[in-house]
PDB file of N, CA and C in Angstrom:
ATOM      1  N   UNK A   1      26.183  35.971 -72.735  1.00  0.00           N
ATOM      2  CA  UNK A   1      27.026  36.219 -70.811  1.00  0.00           C
ATOM      3  C   UNK A   1      26.131  36.021 -70.528  1.00  0.00           C
ATOM      4  N   UNK A   2      24.725  36.521 -71.060  1.00  0.00           N
ATOM      5  CA  UNK A   2      23.651  36.980 -69.721  1.00  0.00           C
ATOM      6  C   UNK A   2      22.985  35.210 -69.274  1.00  0.00           C
ATOM      7  N   UNK A   3      22.724  34.048 -70.374  1.00  0.00           N
ATOM      8  CA  UNK A   3      22.398  33.122 -70.181  1.00  0.00           C
ATOM      9  C   UNK A   3      22.518  31.956 -69.368  1.00  0.00           C
ATOM     10  N   UNK A   4      24.075  31.923 -68.770  1.00  0.00           N
ATOM     11  CA  UNK A   4      24.537  31.013 -67.210  1.00  0.00           C
ATOM     12  C   UNK A   4      24.058  31.577 -65.775  1.00  0.00           C
ATOM     13  N   UNK A   5      23.463  32.997 -65.881  1.00  0.00           N
ATOM     14  CA  UNK A   5      23.083  33.191 -64.827  1.00  0.00           C
ATOM     15  C   UNK A   5      21.901  32.289 -64.393  1.00  0.00           C
ATOM     16  N   UNK A   6      20.514  32.236 -65.538  1.00  0.00           N
ATOM     17  CA  UNK A   6      19.221  31.173 -65.447  1.00  0.00           C
ATOM     18  C   UNK A   6      19.379  29.944 -64.884  1.00  0.00           C
ATOM     19  N   UNK A   7      20.255  29.541 -65.640  1.00  0.00           N
ATOM     20  CA  UNK A   7      20.654  28.244 -65.075  1.00  0.00           C
ATOM     21  C   UNK A   7      21.363  27.598 -63.563  1.00  0.00           C
ATOM     22  N   UNK A   8      22.129  28.772 -63.351  1.00  0.00           N
ATOM     23  CA  UNK A   8      22.171  28.618 -61.265  1.00  0.00           C
ATOM     24  C   UNK A   8      21.258  29.373 -60.917  1.00  0.00           C
ATOM     25  N   UNK A   9      20.382  30.253 -61.484  1.00  0.00           N
ATOM     26  CA  UNK A   9      19.092  30.100 -60.742  1.00  0.00           C
ATOM     27  C   UNK A   9      18.441  28.695 -60.155  1.00  0.00           C
ATOM     28  N   UNK A  10      18.129  28.363 -61.681  1.00  0.00           N
ATOM     29  CA  UNK A  10      17.219  27.566 -61.572  1.00  0.00           C
ATOM     30  C   UNK A  10      17.655  26.140 -60.610  1.00  0.00           C
ATOM     31  N   UNK A  11      19.362  26.138 -60.548  1.00  0.00           N
ATOM     32  CA  UNK A  11      20.205  24.846 -59.614  1.00  0.00           C
ATOM     33  C   UNK A  11      19.772  25.275 -58.500  1.00  0.00           C
ATOM     34  N   UNK A  12      19.758  26.988 -58.351  1.00  0.00           N
ATOM     35  CA  UNK A  12      19.212  27.545 -57.389  1.00  0.00           C
ATOM     36  C   UNK A  12      18.249  26.721 -55.971  1.00  0.00           C
ATOM     37  N   UNK A  13      17.266  27.430 -57.158  1.00  0.00           N
ATOM     38  CA  UNK A  13      15.756  26.567 -57.114  1.00  0.00           C
ATOM     39  C   UNK A  13      14.574  25.710 -56.405  1.00  0.00           C
ATOM     40  N   UNK A  14      16.278  24.911 -57.500  1.00  0.00           N
ATOM     41  CA  UNK A  14      15.913  22.925 -56.984  1.00  0.00           C
ATOM     42  C   UNK A  14      16.703  22.828 -55.719  1.00  0.00           C
ATOM     43  N   UNK A  15      18.002  23.207 -55.624  1.00  0.00           N
ATOM     44  CA  UNK A  15      18.393  23.047 -54.984  1.00  0.00           C
ATOM     45  C   UNK A  15      17.778  23.250 -53.416  1.00  0.00           C
ATOM     46  N   UNK A  16      16.535  24.077 -53.327  1.00  0.00           N
ATOM     47  CA  UNK A  16      15.849  24.876 -52.705  1.00  0.00           C
ATOM     48  C   UNK A  16      14.834  23.597 -51.937  1.00  0.00           C
ATOM     49  N   UNK A  17      14.548  24.272 -53.250  1.00  0.00           N
ATOM     50  CA  UNK A  17      13.237  22.997 -52.944  1.00  0.00           C
ATOM     51  C   UNK A  17      13.082  21.574 -52.914  1.00  0.00           C
ATOM     52  N   UNK A  18      14.419  21.178 -53.588  1.00  0.00           N
ATOM     53  CA  UNK A  18      15.275  19.457 -52.919  1.00  0.00           C
ATOM     54  C   UNK A  18      15.725  19.539 -50.964  1.00  0.00           C
ATOM     55  N   UNK A  19      15.748  20.886 -50.341  1.00  0.00           N
ATOM     56  CA  UNK A  19      16.105  20.537 -49.076  1.00  0.00           C
ATOM     57  C   UNK A  19      15.119  20.998 -48.449  1.00  0.00           C
ATOM     58  N   UNK A  20      14.244  21.498 -48.807  1.00  0.00           N
ATOM     59  CA  UNK A  20      12.295  22.153 -48.683  1.00  0.00           C
ATOM     60  C   UNK A  20      12.210  20.145 -48.118  1.00  0.00           C
ATOM     61  N   UNK A  21      12.161  19.691 -49.577  1.00  0.00           N
ATOM     62  CA  UNK A  21      11.549  18.241 -49.412  1.00  0.00           C
ATOM     63  C   UNK A  21      12.136  17.312 -48.304  1.00  0.00           C
ATOM     64  N   UNK A  22      13.497  17.669 -48.523  1.00  0.00           N
ATOM     65  CA  UNK A  22      14.240  16.733 -47.464  1.00  0.00           C
ATOM     66  C   UNK A  22      13.698  16.867 -46.125  1.00  0.00           C
ATOM     67  N   UNK A  23      13.349  18.226 -45.454  1.00  0.00           N
ATOM     68  CA  UNK A  23      13.163  18.571 -44.324  1.00  0.00           C
ATOM     69  C   UNK A  23      12.414  18.373 -44.028  1.00  0.00           C
ATOM     70  N   UNK A  24      11.359  17.997 -45.543  1.00  0.00           N
ATOM     71  CA  UNK A  24       9.017  17.781 -44.486  1.00  0.00           C
ATOM     72  C   UNK A  24       9.376  16.528 -44.340  1.00  0.00           C
ATOM     73  N   UNK A  25      10.759  15.561 -45.428  1.00  0.00           N
ATOM     74  CA  UNK A  25      10.699  14.197 -44.991  1.00  0.00           C
ATOM     75  C   UNK A  25      11.336  13.836 -43.674  1.00  0.00           C
ATOM     76  N   UNK A  26      12.127  14.609 -42.984  1.00  0.00           N
ATOM     77  CA  UNK A  26      12.528  14.187 -41.815  1.00  0.00           C
ATOM     78  C   UNK A  26      11.642  15.036 -40.595  1.00  0.00           C
ATOM     79  N   UNK A  27      10.914  15.486 -40.923  1.00  0.00           N
ATOM     80  CA  UNK A  27       9.575  16.110 -40.055  1.00  0.00           C
ATOM     81  C   UNK A  27       8.889  14.487 -40.228  1.00  0.00           C
ATOM     82  N   UNK A  28       8.048  14.723 -40.952  1.00  0.00           N
ATOM     83  CA  UNK A  28       7.547  13.153 -41.430  1.00  0.00           C
ATOM     84  C   UNK A  28       7.919  12.161 -40.363  1.00  0.00           C
ATOM     85  N   UNK A  29       9.053  11.862 -40.433  1.00  0.00           N
ATOM     86  CA  UNK A  29       9.775  10.406 -40.336  1.00  0.00           C
ATOM     87  C   UNK A  29       9.211  11.373 -38.269  1.00  0.00           C
ATOM     88  N   UNK A  30      10.201  11.888 -37.509  1.00  0.00           N
ATOM     89  CA  UNK A  30      10.166  12.419 -36.714  1.00  0.00           C
ATOM     90  C   UNK A  30       8.613  12.301 -35.984  1.00  0.00           C
ATOM     91  N   UNK A  31       7.878  13.028 -36.467  1.00  0.00           N
ATOM     92  CA  UNK A  31       6.280  12.765 -36.067  1.00  0.00           C
ATOM     93  C   UNK A  31       6.007  11.777 -36.290  1.00  0.00           C
ATOM     94  N   UNK A  32       5.823  10.340 -37.062  1.00  0.00           N
ATOM     95  CA  UNK A  32       5.613   9.473 -37.091  1.00  0.00           C
ATOM     96  C   UNK A  32       6.488   9.000 -35.879  1.00  0.00           C
ATOM     97  N   UNK A  33       7.375   8.251 -35.660  1.00  0.00           N
ATOM     98  CA  UNK A  33       8.516   8.233 -34.216  1.00  0.00           C
ATOM     99  C   UNK A  33       7.572   9.268 -32.956  1.00  0.00           C
ATOM    100  N   UNK A  34       7.506   9.473 -32.965  1.00  0.00           N
ATOM    101  CA  UNK A  34       6.840  10.727 -31.331  1.00  0.00           C
ATOM    102  C   UNK A  34       5.418  10.156 -32.081  1.00  0.00           C
ATOM    103  N   UNK A  35       4.666   9.910 -32.876  1.00  0.00           N
ATOM    104  CA  UNK A  35       3.340   9.203 -32.541  1.00  0.00           C
ATOM    105  C   UNK A  35       3.078   7.601 -32.092  1.00  0.00           C
ATOM    106  N   UNK A  36       3.788   6.726 -32.300  1.00  0.00           N
ATOM    107  CA  UNK A  36       4.108   5.641 -32.386  1.00  0.00           C
ATOM    108  C   UNK A  36       4.984   5.649 -31.051  1.00  0.00           C
ATOM    109  N   UNK A  37       6.158   6.610 -30.809  1.00  0.00           N
ATOM    110  CA  UNK A  37       6.170   6.473 -29.041  1.00  0.00           C
ATOM    111  C   UNK A  37       4.623   6.548 -27.951  1.00  0.00           C
ATOM    112  N   UNK A  38       4.027   7.493 -28.061  1.00  0.00           N
ATOM    113  CA  UNK A  38       2.941   8.312 -27.367  1.00  0.00           C
ATOM    114  C   UNK A  38       1.456   7.066 -27.539  1.00  0.00           C
ATOM    115  N   UNK A  39       1.515   6.150 -28.986  1.00  0.00           N
ATOM    116  CA  UNK A  39       0.180   5.016 -29.056  1.00  0.00           C
ATOM    117  C   UNK A  39       1.098   4.162 -27.866  1.00  0.00           C
ATOM    118  N   UNK A  40       2.252   3.190 -28.147  1.00  0.00           N
ATOM    119  CA  UNK A  40       2.749   2.693 -26.822  1.00  0.00           C
ATOM    120  C   UNK A  40       2.770   3.197 -25.587  1.00  0.00           C
ATOM    121  N   UNK A  41       2.815   4.813 -25.475  1.00  0.00           N
ATOM    122  CA  UNK A  41       3.181   5.088 -23.778  1.00  0.00           C
ATOM    123  C   UNK A  41       1.078   5.129 -23.643  1.00  0.00           C
ATOM    124  N   UNK A  42       0.272   4.719 -23.977  1.00  0.00           N
ATOM    125  CA  UNK A  42      -0.974   5.192 -23.807  1.00  0.00           C
ATOM    126  C   UNK A  42      -1.635   3.237 -24.138  1.00  0.00           C
ATOM    127  N   UNK A  43      -1.184   2.565 -24.908  1.00  0.00           N
ATOM    128  CA  UNK A  43      -1.389   1.630 -24.589  1.00  0.00           C
ATOM    129  C   UNK A  43      -1.051   1.185 -23.108  1.00  0.00           C
ATOM    130  N   UNK A  44       0.203   1.151 -22.669  1.00  0.00           N
ATOM    131  CA  UNK A  44       1.247   0.879 -21.074  1.00  0.00           C
ATOM    132  C   UNK A  44       0.316   1.562 -20.482  1.00  0.00           C
ATOM    133  N   UNK A  45      -0.126   2.798 -20.603  1.00  0.00           N
ATOM    134  CA  UNK A  45      -1.051   3.701 -19.474  1.00  0.00           C
ATOM    135  C   UNK A  45      -2.275   3.007 -19.914  1.00  0.00           C
ATOM    136  N   UNK A  46      -3.239   2.846 -20.055  1.00  0.00           N
ATOM    137  CA  UNK A  46      -4.742   1.585 -20.311  1.00  0.00           C
ATOM    138  C   UNK A  46      -4.014  -0.256 -19.445  1.00  0.00           C
ATOM    139  N   UNK A  47      -3.159  -0.345 -20.080  1.00  0.00           N
ATOM    140  CA  UNK A  47      -2.640  -1.661 -19.353  1.00  0.00           C
ATOM    141  C   UNK A  47      -2.541  -1.734 -17.930  1.00  0.00           C
ATOM    142  N   UNK A  48      -1.874  -0.141 -17.196  1.00  0.00           N
ATOM    143  CA  UNK A  48      -2.036   0.179 -16.239  1.00  0.00           C
ATOM    144  C   UNK A  48      -3.572   0.286 -15.354  1.00  0.00           C
ATOM    145  N   UNK A  49      -3.963   1.307 -16.224  1.00  0.00           N
ATOM    146  CA  UNK A  49      -5.134   1.487 -15.883  1.00  0.00           C
ATOM    147  C   UNK A  49      -6.444   0.114 -15.645  1.00  0.00           C
ATOM    148  N   UNK A  50      -6.363  -0.747 -16.211  1.00  0.00           N
ATOM    149  CA  UNK A  50      -7.078  -2.035 -16.039  1.00  0.00           C
ATOM    150  C   UNK A  50      -6.712  -2.783 -14.900  1.00  0.00           C
ATOM    151  N   UNK A  51      -5.634  -2.907 -14.546  1.00  0.00           N
ATOM    152  CA  UNK A  51      -4.646  -3.199 -14.155  1.00  0.00           C
ATOM    153  C   UNK A  51      -5.426  -2.696 -12.190  1.00  0.00           C
ATOM    154  N   UNK A  52      -4.743  -1.271 -12.231  1.00  0.00           N
ATOM    155  CA  UNK A  52      -5.604  -0.916 -11.859  1.00  0.00           C
ATOM    156  C   UNK A  52      -7.105  -0.820 -10.785  1.00  0.00           C
ATOM    157  N   UNK A  53      -8.329  -0.927 -12.327  1.00  0.00           N
ATOM    158  CA  UNK A  53      -9.959  -0.681 -11.902  1.00  0.00           C
ATOM    159  C   UNK A  53      -9.846  -2.190 -11.263  1.00  0.00           C
ATOM    160  N   UNK A  54      -9.048  -3.427 -12.312  1.00  0.00           N
ATOM    161  CA  UNK A  54      -9.439  -4.924 -10.987  1.00  0.00           C
ATOM    162  C   UNK A  54      -8.546  -4.507  -9.353  1.00  0.00           C
ATOM    163  N   UNK A  55      -7.496  -4.057  -9.234  1.00  0.00           N
ATOM    164  CA  UNK A  55      -7.023  -4.528  -8.090  1.00  0.00           C
ATOM    165  C   UNK A  55      -8.175  -3.228  -7.479  1.00  0.00           C
ATOM    166  N   UNK A  56      -8.491  -2.487  -7.570  1.00  0.00           N
ATOM    167  CA  UNK A  56      -9.417  -1.104  -6.920  1.00  0.00           C
ATOM    168  C   UNK A  56     -10.863  -2.023  -6.240  1.00  0.00           C
ATOM    169  N   UNK A  57     -11.686  -2.802  -7.627  1.00  0.00           N
ATOM    170  CA  UNK A  57     -12.857  -3.750  -7.709  1.00  0.00           C
ATOM    171  C   UNK A  57     -12.114  -4.786  -6.251  1.00  0.00           C
ATOM    172  N   UNK A  58     -11.150  -5.768  -6.881  1.00  0.00           N
ATOM    173  CA  UNK A  58     -10.606  -6.910  -5.317  1.00  0.00           C
ATOM    174  C   UNK A  58     -10.703  -5.976  -3.934  1.00  0.00           C
ATOM    175  N   UNK A  59     -10.141  -4.837  -3.819  1.00  0.00           N
ATOM    176  CA  UNK A  59      -9.998  -4.044  -2.263  1.00  0.00           C
ATOM    177  C   UNK A  59     -11.439  -4.213  -2.162  1.00  0.00           C
ATOM    178  N   UNK A  60     -12.365  -3.099  -3.058  1.00  0.00           N
ATOM    179  CA  UNK A  60     -13.494  -3.033  -2.471  1.00  0.00           C
ATOM    180  C   UNK A  60     -14.293  -3.863  -1.503  1.00  0.00           C
ATOM    181  N   UNK A  61     -14.357  -5.165  -2.409  1.00  0.00           N
ATOM    182  CA  UNK A  61     -14.775  -6.670  -2.088  1.00  0.00           C
ATOM    183  C   UNK A  61     -14.436  -6.995  -0.503  1.00  0.00           C
ATOM    184  N   UNK A  62     -13.152  -6.068  -0.068  1.00  0.00           N
ATOM    185  CA  UNK A  62     -12.147  -7.048   0.635  1.00  0.00           C
ATOM    186  C   UNK A  62     -12.372  -6.272   1.682  1.00  0.00           C
ATOM    187  N   UNK A  63     -13.029  -4.460   1.418  1.00  0.00           N
ATOM    188  CA  UNK A  63     -14.200  -3.858   2.800  1.00  0.00           C
ATOM    189  C   UNK A  63     -14.633  -4.230   2.570  1.00  0.00           C
ATOM    190  N   UNK A  64     -15.436  -4.174   2.037  1.00  0.00           N
ATOM    191  CA  UNK A  64     -16.666  -4.849   2.023  1.00  0.00           C
ATOM    192  C   UNK A  64     -17.149  -6.539   3.084  1.00  0.00           C
ATOM    193  N   UNK A  65     -16.114  -7.215   2.837  1.00  0.00           N
ATOM    194  CA  UNK A  65     -15.920  -8.582   3.908  1.00  0.00           C
ATOM    195  C   UNK A  65     -15.437  -8.515   5.070  1.00  0.00           C
ATOM    196  N   UNK A  66     -14.300  -7.318   5.025  1.00  0.00           N
ATOM    197  CA  UNK A  66     -13.965  -6.969   6.625  1.00  0.00           C
ATOM    198  C   UNK A  66     -15.252  -6.376   7.453  1.00  0.00           C
ATOM    199  N   UNK A  67     -15.827  -5.032   6.807  1.00  0.00           N
ATOM    200  CA  UNK A  67     -16.629  -4.643   7.253  1.00  0.00           C
ATOM    201  C   UNK A  67     -17.916  -5.886   8.367  1.00  0.00           C
ATOM    202  N   UNK A  68     -18.590  -6.622   7.152  1.00  0.00           N
ATOM    203  CA  UNK A  68     -19.606  -7.694   7.759  1.00  0.00           C
ATOM    204  C   UNK A  68     -18.871  -8.542   9.144  1.00  0.00           C
ATOM    205  N   UNK A  69     -17.592  -8.703   8.887  1.00  0.00           N
ATOM    206  CA  UNK A  69     -17.125  -9.006   9.687  1.00  0.00           C
ATOM    207  C   UNK A  69     -17.046  -9.014  11.369  1.00  0.00           C
ATOM    208  N   UNK A  70     -16.455  -7.499  10.796  1.00  0.00           N
ATOM    209  CA  UNK A  70     -17.241  -6.510  11.874  1.00  0.00           C
ATOM    210  C   UNK A  70     -17.893  -6.753  12.426  1.00  0.00           C
ATOM    211  N   UNK A  71     -18.804  -6.248  11.628  1.00  0.00           N
ATOM    212  CA  UNK A  71     -20.327  -5.936  12.247  1.00  0.00           C
ATOM    213  C   UNK A  71     -20.884  -7.262  13.131  1.00  0.00           C
ATOM    214  N   UNK A  72     -20.288  -8.817  12.990  1.00  0.00           N
ATOM    215  CA  UNK A  72     -20.666  -9.951  12.991  1.00  0.00           C
ATOM    216  C   UNK A  72     -20.169  -9.416  14.754  1.00  0.00           C
ATOM    217  N   UNK A  73     -18.628  -9.436  14.409  1.00  0.00           N
ATOM    218  CA  UNK A  73     -17.906  -9.526  15.722  1.00  0.00           C
ATOM    219  C   UNK A  73     -17.947  -8.745  16.266  1.00  0.00           C
ATOM    220  N   UNK A  74     -18.526  -7.454  16.381  1.00  0.00           N
ATOM    221  CA  UNK A  74     -19.452  -6.249  17.292  1.00  0.00           C
ATOM    222  C   UNK A  74     -20.791  -6.824  17.862  1.00  0.00           C
ATOM    223  N   UNK A  75     -21.554  -7.728  16.686  1.00  0.00           N
ATOM    224  CA  UNK A  75     -22.862  -8.336  17.505  1.00  0.00           C
ATOM    225  C   UNK A  75     -22.183  -9.130  18.740  1.00  0.00           C
ATOM    226  N   UNK A  76     -21.223 -10.203  18.148  1.00  0.00           N
ATOM    227  CA  UNK A  76     -20.917 -10.899  19.559  1.00  0.00           C
ATOM    228  C   UNK A  76     -20.270 -10.848  20.806  1.00  0.00           C
ATOM    229  N   UNK A  77     -19.904  -9.707  20.515  1.00  0.00           N
ATOM    230  CA  UNK A  77     -19.174  -9.005  21.789  1.00  0.00           C
ATOM    231  C   UNK A  77     -20.601  -8.603  22.915  1.00  0.00           C
ATOM    232  N   UNK A  78     -21.449  -7.860  22.184  1.00  0.00           N
ATOM    233  CA  UNK A  78     -22.520  -6.848  22.999  1.00  0.00           C
ATOM    234  C   UNK A  78     -22.876  -8.196  23.602  1.00  0.00           C
ATOM    235  N   UNK A  79     -22.886  -9.458  22.855  1.00  0.00           N
ATOM    236  CA  UNK A  79     -23.783 -10.825  23.341  1.00  0.00           C
ATOM    237  C   UNK A  79     -23.012 -11.065  24.390  1.00  0.00           C
ATOM    238  N   UNK A  80     -21.359 -10.951  24.248  1.00  0.00           N
ATOM    239  CA  UNK A  80     -21.522 -11.956  25.945  1.00  0.00           C
ATOM    240  C   UNK A  80     -21.161 -10.572  27.108  1.00  0.00           C
ATOM    241  N   UNK A  81     -21.147  -9.756  26.488  1.00  0.00           N
ATOM    242  CA  UNK A  81     -20.960  -8.426  27.406  1.00  0.00           C
ATOM    243  C   UNK A  81     -22.480  -8.597  28.188  1.00  0.00           C
ATOM    244  N   UNK A  82     -23.657  -8.740  27.552  1.00  0.00           N
ATOM    245  CA  UNK A  82     -24.756  -8.254  27.889  1.00  0.00           C
ATOM    246  C   UNK A  82     -24.931  -9.973  29.114  1.00  0.00           C
ATOM    247  N   UNK A  83     -24.015 -11.215  27.954  1.00  0.00           N
ATOM    248  CA  UNK A  83     -24.539 -12.012  29.713  1.00  0.00           C
ATOM    249  C   UNK A  83     -23.820 -12.131  30.860  1.00  0.00           C
ATOM    250  N   UNK A  84     -22.165 -11.131  30.587  1.00  0.00           N
ATOM    251  CA  UNK A  84     -21.663 -11.154  31.890  1.00  0.00           C
ATOM    252  C   UNK A  84     -22.294 -10.010  32.942  1.00  0.00           C
ATOM    253  N   UNK A  85     -23.708  -9.419  31.710  1.00  0.00           N
ATOM    254  CA  UNK A  85     -24.052  -8.364  33.140  1.00  0.00           C
ATOM    255  C   UNK A  85     -24.747  -9.113  33.990  1.00  0.00           C
ATOM    256  N   UNK A  86     -25.447 -10.199  33.255  1.00  0.00           N
ATOM    257  CA  UNK A  86     -26.294 -11.418  34.380  1.00  0.00           C
ATOM    258  C   UNK A  86     -26.036 -11.752  35.592  1.00  0.00           C
ATOM    259  N   UNK A  87     -24.585 -12.051  35.224  1.00  0.00           N
ATOM    260  CA  UNK A  87     -23.889 -13.309  35.905  1.00  0.00           C
ATOM    261  C   UNK A  87     -23.456 -12.027  37.313  1.00  0.00           C
TER     262      UNK A  87
END
């Protein structure tokens, strides 16, 4: 009669092992899904950063152009003021 508990203990150990393996598989699947989501988010952020960098460069060029135009306008106004003083 003492032989019966040994197979039961083996079944419990096997069930416990099976349960731990199942949890490990679930955890790996969850971690893979999280990794995939993080990679997708990173790709999205990289695209947004690239777009922002392009826009930033475009705005810098526009500012430089506007500064040059402002300088030209200032020079022309100063000339006009100088001519008005002569009158």
